[in-house]
Amino acid sequence: MSLDPQPLAPALEAAAAAGRTVVRLDLSGVRGKAELMRRCGDALRLPEWVGGNWDALADALRDLSWVPGAGAGAGAGPGAGGWLLAVSQWRGYAGARPGEWETFVEVLEEAVGFWREPGPELVVVLADTDIGPGPVAGAPPRTPRLKRRRG
């Protein structure tokens, strides 16, 4: 995961041109887990079985069989060239709910680590700037700390 204050629009456009599926997750105004889960569901177009808990979100991010065309091979559909998840306007949520934010980051790190080997690669970028509307991505994460999640 990376934190880069530079404008992301050119990087997102380049990622899309390279065949990555670019997903934008705007967390402006999010102050609790329920709203975070709703935003994740909307941005990632998660299936309904992904409830409002960390383990279900983690499972969905490691599975991706629910994504149309995800299992069909390179160039076959969404995610075939990898995924870039750009999370913007996240500081308000991180400040309001630091424990939840830490758990959310761990879920993302685990997913990035999982997809590093089998591919297509998942990259997550944390952006300070508004990156615009739209449907995570990035540098190698630190080693995920696996622990039991609450809720």
Protein backbone atom coordinates (compact mmCIF):
# COMPACT_ATOMS: atom_id res chain seq x y z
CA MET A 1 0.00 0.00 0.00
CA SER A 2 1.25 3.48 -0.63
CA LEU A 3 0.48 6.97 0.57
CA ASP A 4 1.24 9.53 -2.11
CA PRO A 5 0.22 13.19 -2.02
CA GLN A 6 0.64 13.53 -5.79
CA PRO A 7 -2.46 13.85 -7.99
CA LEU A 8 -3.59 10.37 -8.89
CA ALA A 9 -5.60 11.00 -12.05
CA PRO A 10 -2.65 10.32 -14.41
CA ALA A 11 -1.69 7.17 -12.52
CA LEU A 12 -5.27 5.88 -12.55
CA GLU A 13 -5.55 6.57 -16.28
CA ALA A 14 -2.25 4.76 -16.92
CA ALA A 15 -3.38 1.78 -14.83
CA ALA A 16 -6.63 1.56 -16.77
CA ALA A 17 -4.77 1.85 -20.09
CA ALA A 18 -2.50 -1.02 -18.95
CA GLY A 19 -5.55 -3.24 -18.46
CA ARG A 20 -6.05 -2.91 -14.71
CA THR A 21 -9.53 -2.55 -13.31
CA VAL A 22 -9.47 0.76 -11.42
CA VAL A 23 -11.79 1.08 -8.44
CA ARG A 24 -12.25 4.35 -6.58
CA LEU A 25 -13.35 4.22 -2.95
CA ASP A 26 -14.21 7.68 -1.57
CA LEU A 27 -14.46 7.68 2.23
CA SER A 28 -15.45 11.33 2.66
CA GLY A 29 -17.99 11.61 5.45
CA VAL A 30 -17.51 8.00 6.64
CA ARG A 31 -17.42 7.91 10.42
CA GLY A 32 -18.31 4.31 11.21
CA LYS A 33 -17.98 0.70 10.12
CA ALA A 34 -21.51 0.38 8.72
CA GLU A 35 -20.98 3.30 6.33
CA LEU A 36 -17.51 2.01 5.40
CA MET A 37 -18.96 -1.40 4.52
CA ARG A 38 -21.73 0.23 2.46
CA ARG A 39 -19.18 2.31 0.54
CA CYS A 40 -17.00 -0.76 -0.05
CA GLY A 41 -20.03 -2.69 -1.28
CA ASP A 42 -21.02 0.07 -3.68
CA ALA A 43 -17.54 0.82 -5.03
CA LEU A 44 -16.44 -2.81 -5.37
CA ARG A 45 -19.91 -4.01 -6.42
CA LEU A 46 -19.73 -6.73 -3.79
CA PRO A 47 -22.33 -9.50 -3.84
CA GLU A 48 -25.11 -9.35 -1.28
CA TRP A 49 -23.66 -12.24 0.75
CA VAL A 50 -20.84 -9.93 1.85
CA GLY A 51 -22.30 -8.69 5.09
CA GLY A 52 -21.11 -5.82 7.20
CA ASN A 53 -18.23 -7.65 8.84
CA TRP A 54 -14.47 -7.76 8.35
CA ASP A 55 -14.20 -11.48 7.67
CA ALA A 56 -16.80 -11.39 4.88
CA LEU A 57 -15.02 -8.43 3.26
CA ALA A 58 -11.67 -10.25 3.55
CA ASP A 59 -13.17 -13.40 2.02
CA ALA A 60 -14.67 -11.45 -0.89
CA LEU A 61 -11.36 -9.72 -1.62
CA ARG A 62 -9.50 -13.05 -1.68
CA ASP A 63 -12.10 -14.93 -3.71
CA LEU A 64 -13.15 -12.63 -6.59
CA SER A 65 -15.05 -15.49 -8.26
CA TRP A 66 -18.12 -13.28 -7.91
CA VAL A 67 -16.56 -10.74 -10.33
CA PRO A 68 -17.93 -11.21 -13.87
CA GLY A 69 -15.16 -12.70 -16.03
CA ALA A 70 -12.66 -12.98 -13.15
CA GLY A 71 -12.11 -16.70 -13.55
CA ALA A 72 -11.82 -16.75 -17.33
CA GLY A 73 -8.08 -16.02 -17.71
CA ALA A 74 -5.91 -13.15 -18.88
CA GLY A 75 -7.65 -10.54 -20.97
CA ALA A 76 -11.00 -12.19 -20.42
CA GLY A 77 -12.77 -9.55 -18.38
CA PRO A 78 -12.69 -7.27 -15.35
CA GLY A 79 -9.55 -7.71 -13.29
CA ALA A 80 -7.73 -9.77 -15.91
CA GLY A 81 -4.88 -7.22 -15.91
CA GLY A 82 -4.99 -6.75 -12.16
CA TRP A 83 -6.79 -4.40 -9.86
CA LEU A 84 -6.02 -0.92 -8.55
CA LEU A 85 -8.04 0.23 -5.54
CA ALA A 86 -7.61 3.95 -4.87
CA VAL A 87 -8.96 4.94 -1.45
CA SER A 88 -9.48 8.69 -1.08
CA GLN A 89 -10.61 11.03 1.68
CA TRP A 90 -9.74 8.39 4.29
CA ARG A 91 -8.19 10.55 7.04
CA GLY A 92 -11.53 11.53 8.62
CA TYR A 93 -12.52 7.91 9.11
CA ALA A 94 -9.03 6.92 10.27
CA GLY A 95 -9.10 9.70 12.86
CA ALA A 96 -12.65 9.05 14.03
CA ARG A 97 -12.28 5.25 14.26
CA PRO A 98 -8.59 4.35 14.53
CA GLY A 99 -9.24 0.75 15.61
CA GLU A 100 -11.63 0.13 12.73
CA TRP A 101 -9.24 1.83 10.32
CA GLU A 102 -6.40 -0.43 11.45
CA THR A 103 -8.57 -3.49 10.86
CA PHE A 104 -9.63 -2.22 7.42
CA VAL A 105 -5.98 -1.67 6.46
CA GLU A 106 -5.16 -5.21 7.64
CA VAL A 107 -7.96 -6.62 5.47
CA LEU A 108 -6.58 -4.73 2.47
CA GLU A 109 -3.00 -5.82 3.20
CA GLU A 110 -4.06 -9.45 3.45
CA ALA A 111 -5.84 -9.22 0.11
CA VAL A 112 -2.83 -7.55 -1.54
CA GLY A 113 -0.56 -10.24 -0.13
CA PHE A 114 -2.89 -13.01 -1.27
CA TRP A 115 -3.01 -11.78 -4.87
CA ARG A 116 0.71 -11.10 -5.12
CA GLU A 117 1.48 -14.74 -6.01
CA PRO A 118 -1.40 -16.15 -8.06
CA GLY A 119 -2.22 -12.90 -9.81
CA PRO A 120 -3.77 -10.87 -11.17
CA GLU A 121 -2.17 -8.42 -8.76
CA LEU A 122 -4.22 -6.25 -6.43
CA VAL A 123 -2.75 -2.83 -5.58
CA VAL A 124 -4.16 -0.42 -2.97
CA VAL A 125 -3.31 3.27 -2.92
CA LEU A 126 -4.31 5.63 -0.11
CA ALA A 127 -4.81 9.10 -1.55
CA ASP A 128 -5.13 12.41 0.27
CA THR A 129 -6.73 14.05 -2.73
CA ASP A 130 -10.14 13.59 -4.28
CA ILE A 131 -9.75 11.14 -7.15
CA GLY A 132 -13.19 11.49 -8.62
CA PRO A 133 -16.10 9.08 -8.92
CA GLY A 134 -15.84 5.54 -10.14
CA PRO A 135 -15.59 1.92 -9.22
CA VAL A 136 -7.72 -0.89 -4.48
CA ALA A 137 -3.92 -1.52 -6.12
CA GLY A 138 -0.32 -0.54 -5.02
CA ALA A 139 3.14 -1.09 -3.71
CA PRO A 140 3.89 -4.27 -1.78
CA PRO A 141 2.37 -4.06 1.70
CA ARG A 142 4.14 -4.71 4.94
CA THR A 143 3.75 -8.26 6.15
CA PRO A 144 0.13 -8.61 7.24
CA ARG A 145 -0.49 -9.28 10.89
CA LEU A 146 -3.05 -12.03 11.02
CA LYS A 147 -5.30 -11.79 14.02
CA ARG A 148 -8.86 -12.52 14.90
CA ARG A 149 -11.18 -9.71 13.90
CA ARG A 150 -14.15 -8.53 15.88
CA GLY A 151 -17.53 -8.13 14.17
